[in-house]
Amino acid sequence: MYATQADASGKRNWIEEFQARADRAFGYGNLIGHHTNLSLAGILQRLER
């Protein structure tokens, strides 16, 4: 289900996760999923600042 691994404490980097999901969606030809996941990663990046 997840595209990335959690760290030793079980935490996940959600920016990397959504970027990986976007890459996977693009690979499957799912352009809507690609755009959605990139948008979510962008929102998280702005919140992280």
PDB file of N, CA and C in Angstrom:
ATOM      1  N   MET A   1       0.819  -1.180   0.000  1.00  0.00           N
ATOM      2  CA  MET A   1       0.000   0.000   0.000  1.00  0.00           C
ATOM      3  C   MET A   1       0.873   1.257   0.000  1.00  0.00           C
ATOM      4  N   TYR A   2       1.912   1.293   0.851  1.00  0.00           N
ATOM      5  CA  TYR A   2       2.791   2.453   0.896  1.00  0.00           C
ATOM      6  C   TYR A   2       3.875   2.315  -0.162  1.00  0.00           C
ATOM      7  N   ALA A   3       4.312   3.441  -0.688  1.00  0.00           N
ATOM      8  CA  ALA A   3       5.358   3.440  -1.708  1.00  0.00           C
ATOM      9  C   ALA A   3       6.739   3.627  -1.102  1.00  0.00           C
ATOM     10  N   THR A   4       6.799   4.060   0.156  1.00  0.00           N
ATOM     11  CA  THR A   4       8.081   4.279   0.833  1.00  0.00           C
ATOM     12  C   THR A   4       8.098   3.517   2.149  1.00  0.00           C
ATOM     13  N   GLN A   5       9.289   3.355   2.690  1.00  0.00           N
ATOM     14  CA  GLN A   5       9.450   2.658   3.964  1.00  0.00           C
ATOM     15  C   GLN A   5       9.392   3.649   5.120  1.00  0.00           C
ATOM     16  N   ALA A   6       8.870   3.198   6.245  1.00  0.00           N
ATOM     17  CA  ALA A   6       8.891   3.998   7.469  1.00  0.00           C
ATOM     18  C   ALA A   6      10.280   3.894   8.092  1.00  0.00           C
ATOM     19  N   ASP A   7      10.614   4.871   8.933  1.00  0.00           N
ATOM     20  CA  ASP A   7      11.906   4.807   9.617  1.00  0.00           C
ATOM     21  C   ASP A   7      11.822   3.826  10.785  1.00  0.00           C
ATOM     22  N   ALA A   8      12.883   3.734  11.549  1.00  0.00           N
ATOM     23  CA  ALA A   8      12.961   2.758  12.641  1.00  0.00           C
ATOM     24  C   ALA A   8      11.894   2.977  13.707  1.00  0.00           C
ATOM     25  N   SER A   9      11.456   4.213  13.871  1.00  0.00           N
ATOM     26  CA  SER A   9      10.428   4.496  14.880  1.00  0.00           C
ATOM     27  C   SER A   9       9.011   4.408  14.314  1.00  0.00           C
ATOM     28  N   GLY A  10       8.887   4.021  13.047  1.00  0.00           N
ATOM     29  CA  GLY A  10       7.576   3.853  12.434  1.00  0.00           C
ATOM     30  C   GLY A  10       7.021   5.100  11.775  1.00  0.00           C
ATOM     31  N   LYS A  11       7.818   6.163  11.745  1.00  0.00           N
ATOM     32  CA  LYS A  11       7.355   7.408  11.124  1.00  0.00           C
ATOM     33  C   LYS A  11       7.631   7.371   9.627  1.00  0.00           C
ATOM     34  N   ARG A  12       6.781   8.041   8.888  1.00  0.00           N
ATOM     35  CA  ARG A  12       6.889   8.057   7.434  1.00  0.00           C
ATOM     36  C   ARG A  12       7.052   9.498   6.957  1.00  0.00           C
ATOM     37  N   ASN A  13       7.909   9.708   5.966  1.00  0.00           N
ATOM     38  CA  ASN A  13       8.062  11.020   5.343  1.00  0.00           C
ATOM     39  C   ASN A  13       6.960  11.135   4.292  1.00  0.00           C
ATOM     40  N   TRP A  14       5.930  11.899   4.605  1.00  0.00           N
ATOM     41  CA  TRP A  14       4.758  11.954   3.736  1.00  0.00           C
ATOM     42  C   TRP A  14       5.014  12.706   2.439  1.00  0.00           C
ATOM     43  N   ILE A  15       5.954  13.632   2.435  1.00  0.00           N
ATOM     44  CA  ILE A  15       6.297  14.314   1.185  1.00  0.00           C
ATOM     45  C   ILE A  15       6.902  13.309   0.212  1.00  0.00           C
ATOM     46  N   GLU A  16       7.859  12.528   0.684  1.00  0.00           N
ATOM     47  CA  GLU A  16       8.460  11.492  -0.162  1.00  0.00           C
ATOM     48  C   GLU A  16       7.422  10.457  -0.582  1.00  0.00           C
ATOM     49  N   GLU A  17       6.513  10.123   0.319  1.00  0.00           N
ATOM     50  CA  GLU A  17       5.468   9.139   0.016  1.00  0.00           C
ATOM     51  C   GLU A  17       4.591   9.602  -1.147  1.00  0.00           C
ATOM     52  N   PHE A  18       4.111  10.851  -1.081  1.00  0.00           N
ATOM     53  CA  PHE A  18       3.231  11.339  -2.141  1.00  0.00           C
ATOM     54  C   PHE A  18       3.983  11.554  -3.447  1.00  0.00           C
ATOM     55  N   GLN A  19       5.262  11.905  -3.382  1.00  0.00           N
ATOM     56  CA  GLN A  19       6.054  12.007  -4.606  1.00  0.00           C
ATOM     57  C   GLN A  19       6.238  10.629  -5.242  1.00  0.00           C
ATOM     58  N   ALA A  20       6.474   9.620  -4.419  1.00  0.00           N
ATOM     59  CA  ALA A  20       6.618   8.252  -4.931  1.00  0.00           C
ATOM     60  C   ALA A  20       5.300   7.755  -5.516  1.00  0.00           C
ATOM     61  N   ARG A  21       4.197   8.088  -4.871  1.00  0.00           N
ATOM     62  CA  ARG A  21       2.889   7.702  -5.408  1.00  0.00           C
ATOM     63  C   ARG A  21       2.622   8.388  -6.740  1.00  0.00           C
ATOM     64  N   ALA A  22       3.046   9.656  -6.851  1.00  0.00           N
ATOM     65  CA  ALA A  22       2.885  10.381  -8.115  1.00  0.00           C
ATOM     66  C   ALA A  22       3.694   9.709  -9.216  1.00  0.00           C
ATOM     67  N   ASP A  23       4.924   9.320  -8.904  1.00  0.00           N
ATOM     68  CA  ASP A  23       5.767   8.626  -9.884  1.00  0.00           C
ATOM     69  C   ASP A  23       5.138   7.307 -10.309  1.00  0.00           C
ATOM     70  N   ARG A  24       4.604   6.577  -9.343  1.00  0.00           N
ATOM     71  CA  ARG A  24       3.969   5.289  -9.649  1.00  0.00           C
ATOM     72  C   ARG A  24       2.734   5.490 -10.523  1.00  0.00           C
ATOM     73  N   ALA A  25       1.920   6.498 -10.198  1.00  0.00           N
ATOM     74  CA  ALA A  25       0.721   6.780 -10.983  1.00  0.00           C
ATOM     75  C   ALA A  25       1.100   7.158 -12.415  1.00  0.00           C
ATOM     76  N   PHE A  26       2.140   7.967 -12.567  1.00  0.00           N
ATOM     77  CA  PHE A  26       2.597   8.363 -13.901  1.00  0.00           C
ATOM     78  C   PHE A  26       3.050   7.140 -14.687  1.00  0.00           C
ATOM     79  N   GLY A  27       3.746   6.241 -14.027  1.00  0.00           N
ATOM     80  CA  GLY A  27       4.208   5.020 -14.679  1.00  0.00           C
ATOM     81  C   GLY A  27       3.071   4.153 -15.189  1.00  0.00           C
ATOM     82  N   TYR A  28       1.935   4.203 -14.493  1.00  0.00           N
ATOM     83  CA  TYR A  28       0.755   3.453 -14.912  1.00  0.00           C
ATOM     84  C   TYR A  28      -0.100   4.228 -15.907  1.00  0.00           C
ATOM     85  N   GLY A  29       0.297   5.463 -16.215  1.00  0.00           N
ATOM     86  CA  GLY A  29      -0.486   6.277 -17.136  1.00  0.00           C
ATOM     87  C   GLY A  29      -1.656   6.977 -16.475  1.00  0.00           C
ATOM     88  N   ASN A  30      -1.665   7.021 -15.160  1.00  0.00           N
ATOM     89  CA  ASN A  30      -2.739   7.656 -14.400  1.00  0.00           C
ATOM     90  C   ASN A  30      -2.359   9.118 -14.159  1.00  0.00           C
ATOM     91  N   LEU A  31      -2.693   9.976 -15.117  1.00  0.00           N
ATOM     92  CA  LEU A  31      -2.275  11.374 -15.036  1.00  0.00           C
ATOM     93  C   LEU A  31      -3.029  12.148 -13.967  1.00  0.00           C
ATOM     94  N   ILE A  32      -4.270  11.794 -13.706  1.00  0.00           N
ATOM     95  CA  ILE A  32      -5.032  12.468 -12.648  1.00  0.00           C
ATOM     96  C   ILE A  32      -4.424  12.133 -11.288  1.00  0.00           C
ATOM     97  N   GLY A  33      -4.121  10.866 -11.055  1.00  0.00           N
ATOM     98  CA  GLY A  33      -3.480  10.462  -9.806  1.00  0.00           C
ATOM     99  C   GLY A  33      -2.110  11.099  -9.654  1.00  0.00           C
ATOM    100  N   HIS A  34      -1.382  11.198 -10.755  1.00  0.00           N
ATOM    101  CA  HIS A  34      -0.065  11.835 -10.746  1.00  0.00           C
ATOM    102  C   HIS A  34      -0.191  13.287 -10.300  1.00  0.00           C
ATOM    103  N   HIS A  35      -1.098  14.016 -10.910  1.00  0.00           N
ATOM    104  CA  HIS A  35      -1.296  15.432 -10.574  1.00  0.00           C
ATOM    105  C   HIS A  35      -1.767  15.596  -9.128  1.00  0.00           C
ATOM    106  N   THR A  36      -2.696  14.760  -8.698  1.00  0.00           N
ATOM    107  CA  THR A  36      -3.227  14.849  -7.334  1.00  0.00           C
ATOM    108  C   THR A  36      -2.133  14.622  -6.300  1.00  0.00           C
ATOM    109  N   ASN A  37      -1.334  13.591  -6.497  1.00  0.00           N
ATOM    110  CA  ASN A  37      -0.272  13.288  -5.538  1.00  0.00           C
ATOM    111  C   ASN A  37       0.828  14.344  -5.535  1.00  0.00           C
ATOM    112  N   LEU A  38       1.144  14.907  -6.702  1.00  0.00           N
ATOM    113  CA  LEU A  38       2.115  16.001  -6.736  1.00  0.00           C
ATOM    114  C   LEU A  38       1.572  17.226  -6.011  1.00  0.00           C
ATOM    115  N   SER A  39       0.280  17.487  -6.167  1.00  0.00           N
ATOM    116  CA  SER A  39      -0.339  18.619  -5.470  1.00  0.00           C
ATOM    117  C   SER A  39      -0.272  18.425  -3.961  1.00  0.00           C
ATOM    118  N   LEU A  40      -0.560  17.225  -3.498  1.00  0.00           N
ATOM    119  CA  LEU A  40      -0.493  16.940  -2.059  1.00  0.00           C
ATOM    120  C   LEU A  40       0.929  17.093  -1.534  1.00  0.00           C
ATOM    121  N   ALA A  41       1.908  16.621  -2.289  1.00  0.00           N
ATOM    122  CA  ALA A  41       3.305  16.777  -1.876  1.00  0.00           C
ATOM    123  C   ALA A  41       3.672  18.257  -1.803  1.00  0.00           C
ATOM    124  N   GLY A  42       3.186  19.047  -2.748  1.00  0.00           N
ATOM    125  CA  GLY A  42       3.456  20.482  -2.742  1.00  0.00           C
ATOM    126  C   GLY A  42       2.849  21.183  -1.541  1.00  0.00           C
ATOM    127  N   ILE A  43       1.635  20.802  -1.184  1.00  0.00           N
ATOM    128  CA  ILE A  43       0.979  21.377  -0.006  1.00  0.00           C
ATOM    129  C   ILE A  43       1.779  21.053   1.247  1.00  0.00           C
ATOM    130  N   LEU A  44       2.203  19.801   1.377  1.00  0.00           N
ATOM    131  CA  LEU A  44       2.988  19.407   2.548  1.00  0.00           C
ATOM    132  C   LEU A  44       4.323  20.137   2.603  1.00  0.00           C
ATOM    133  N   GLN A  45       4.933  20.371   1.445  1.00  0.00           N
ATOM    134  CA  GLN A  45       6.198  21.110   1.419  1.00  0.00           C
ATOM    135  C   GLN A  45       5.995  22.544   1.902  1.00  0.00           C
ATOM    136  N   ARG A  46       4.890  23.170   1.497  1.00  0.00           N
ATOM    137  CA  ARG A  46       4.617  24.536   1.953  1.00  0.00           C
ATOM    138  C   ARG A  46       4.340  24.569   3.447  1.00  0.00           C
ATOM    139  N   LEU A  47       3.642  23.571   3.961  1.00  0.00           N
ATOM    140  CA  LEU A  47       3.350  23.523   5.394  1.00  0.00           C
ATOM    141  C   LEU A  47       4.607  23.275   6.222  1.00  0.00           C
ATOM    142  N   GLU A  48       5.568  22.584   5.645  1.00  0.00           N
ATOM    143  CA  GLU A  48       6.792  22.237   6.355  1.00  0.00           C
ATOM    144  C   GLU A  48       7.684  23.463   6.605  1.00  0.00           C
ATOM    145  N   ARG A  49       7.546  24.489   5.795  1.00  0.00           N
ATOM    146  CA  ARG A  49       8.404  25.681   5.911  1.00  0.00           C
ATOM    147  C   ARG A  49       8.185  26.430   7.165  1.00  0.00           C
TER     148      ARG A  49
END
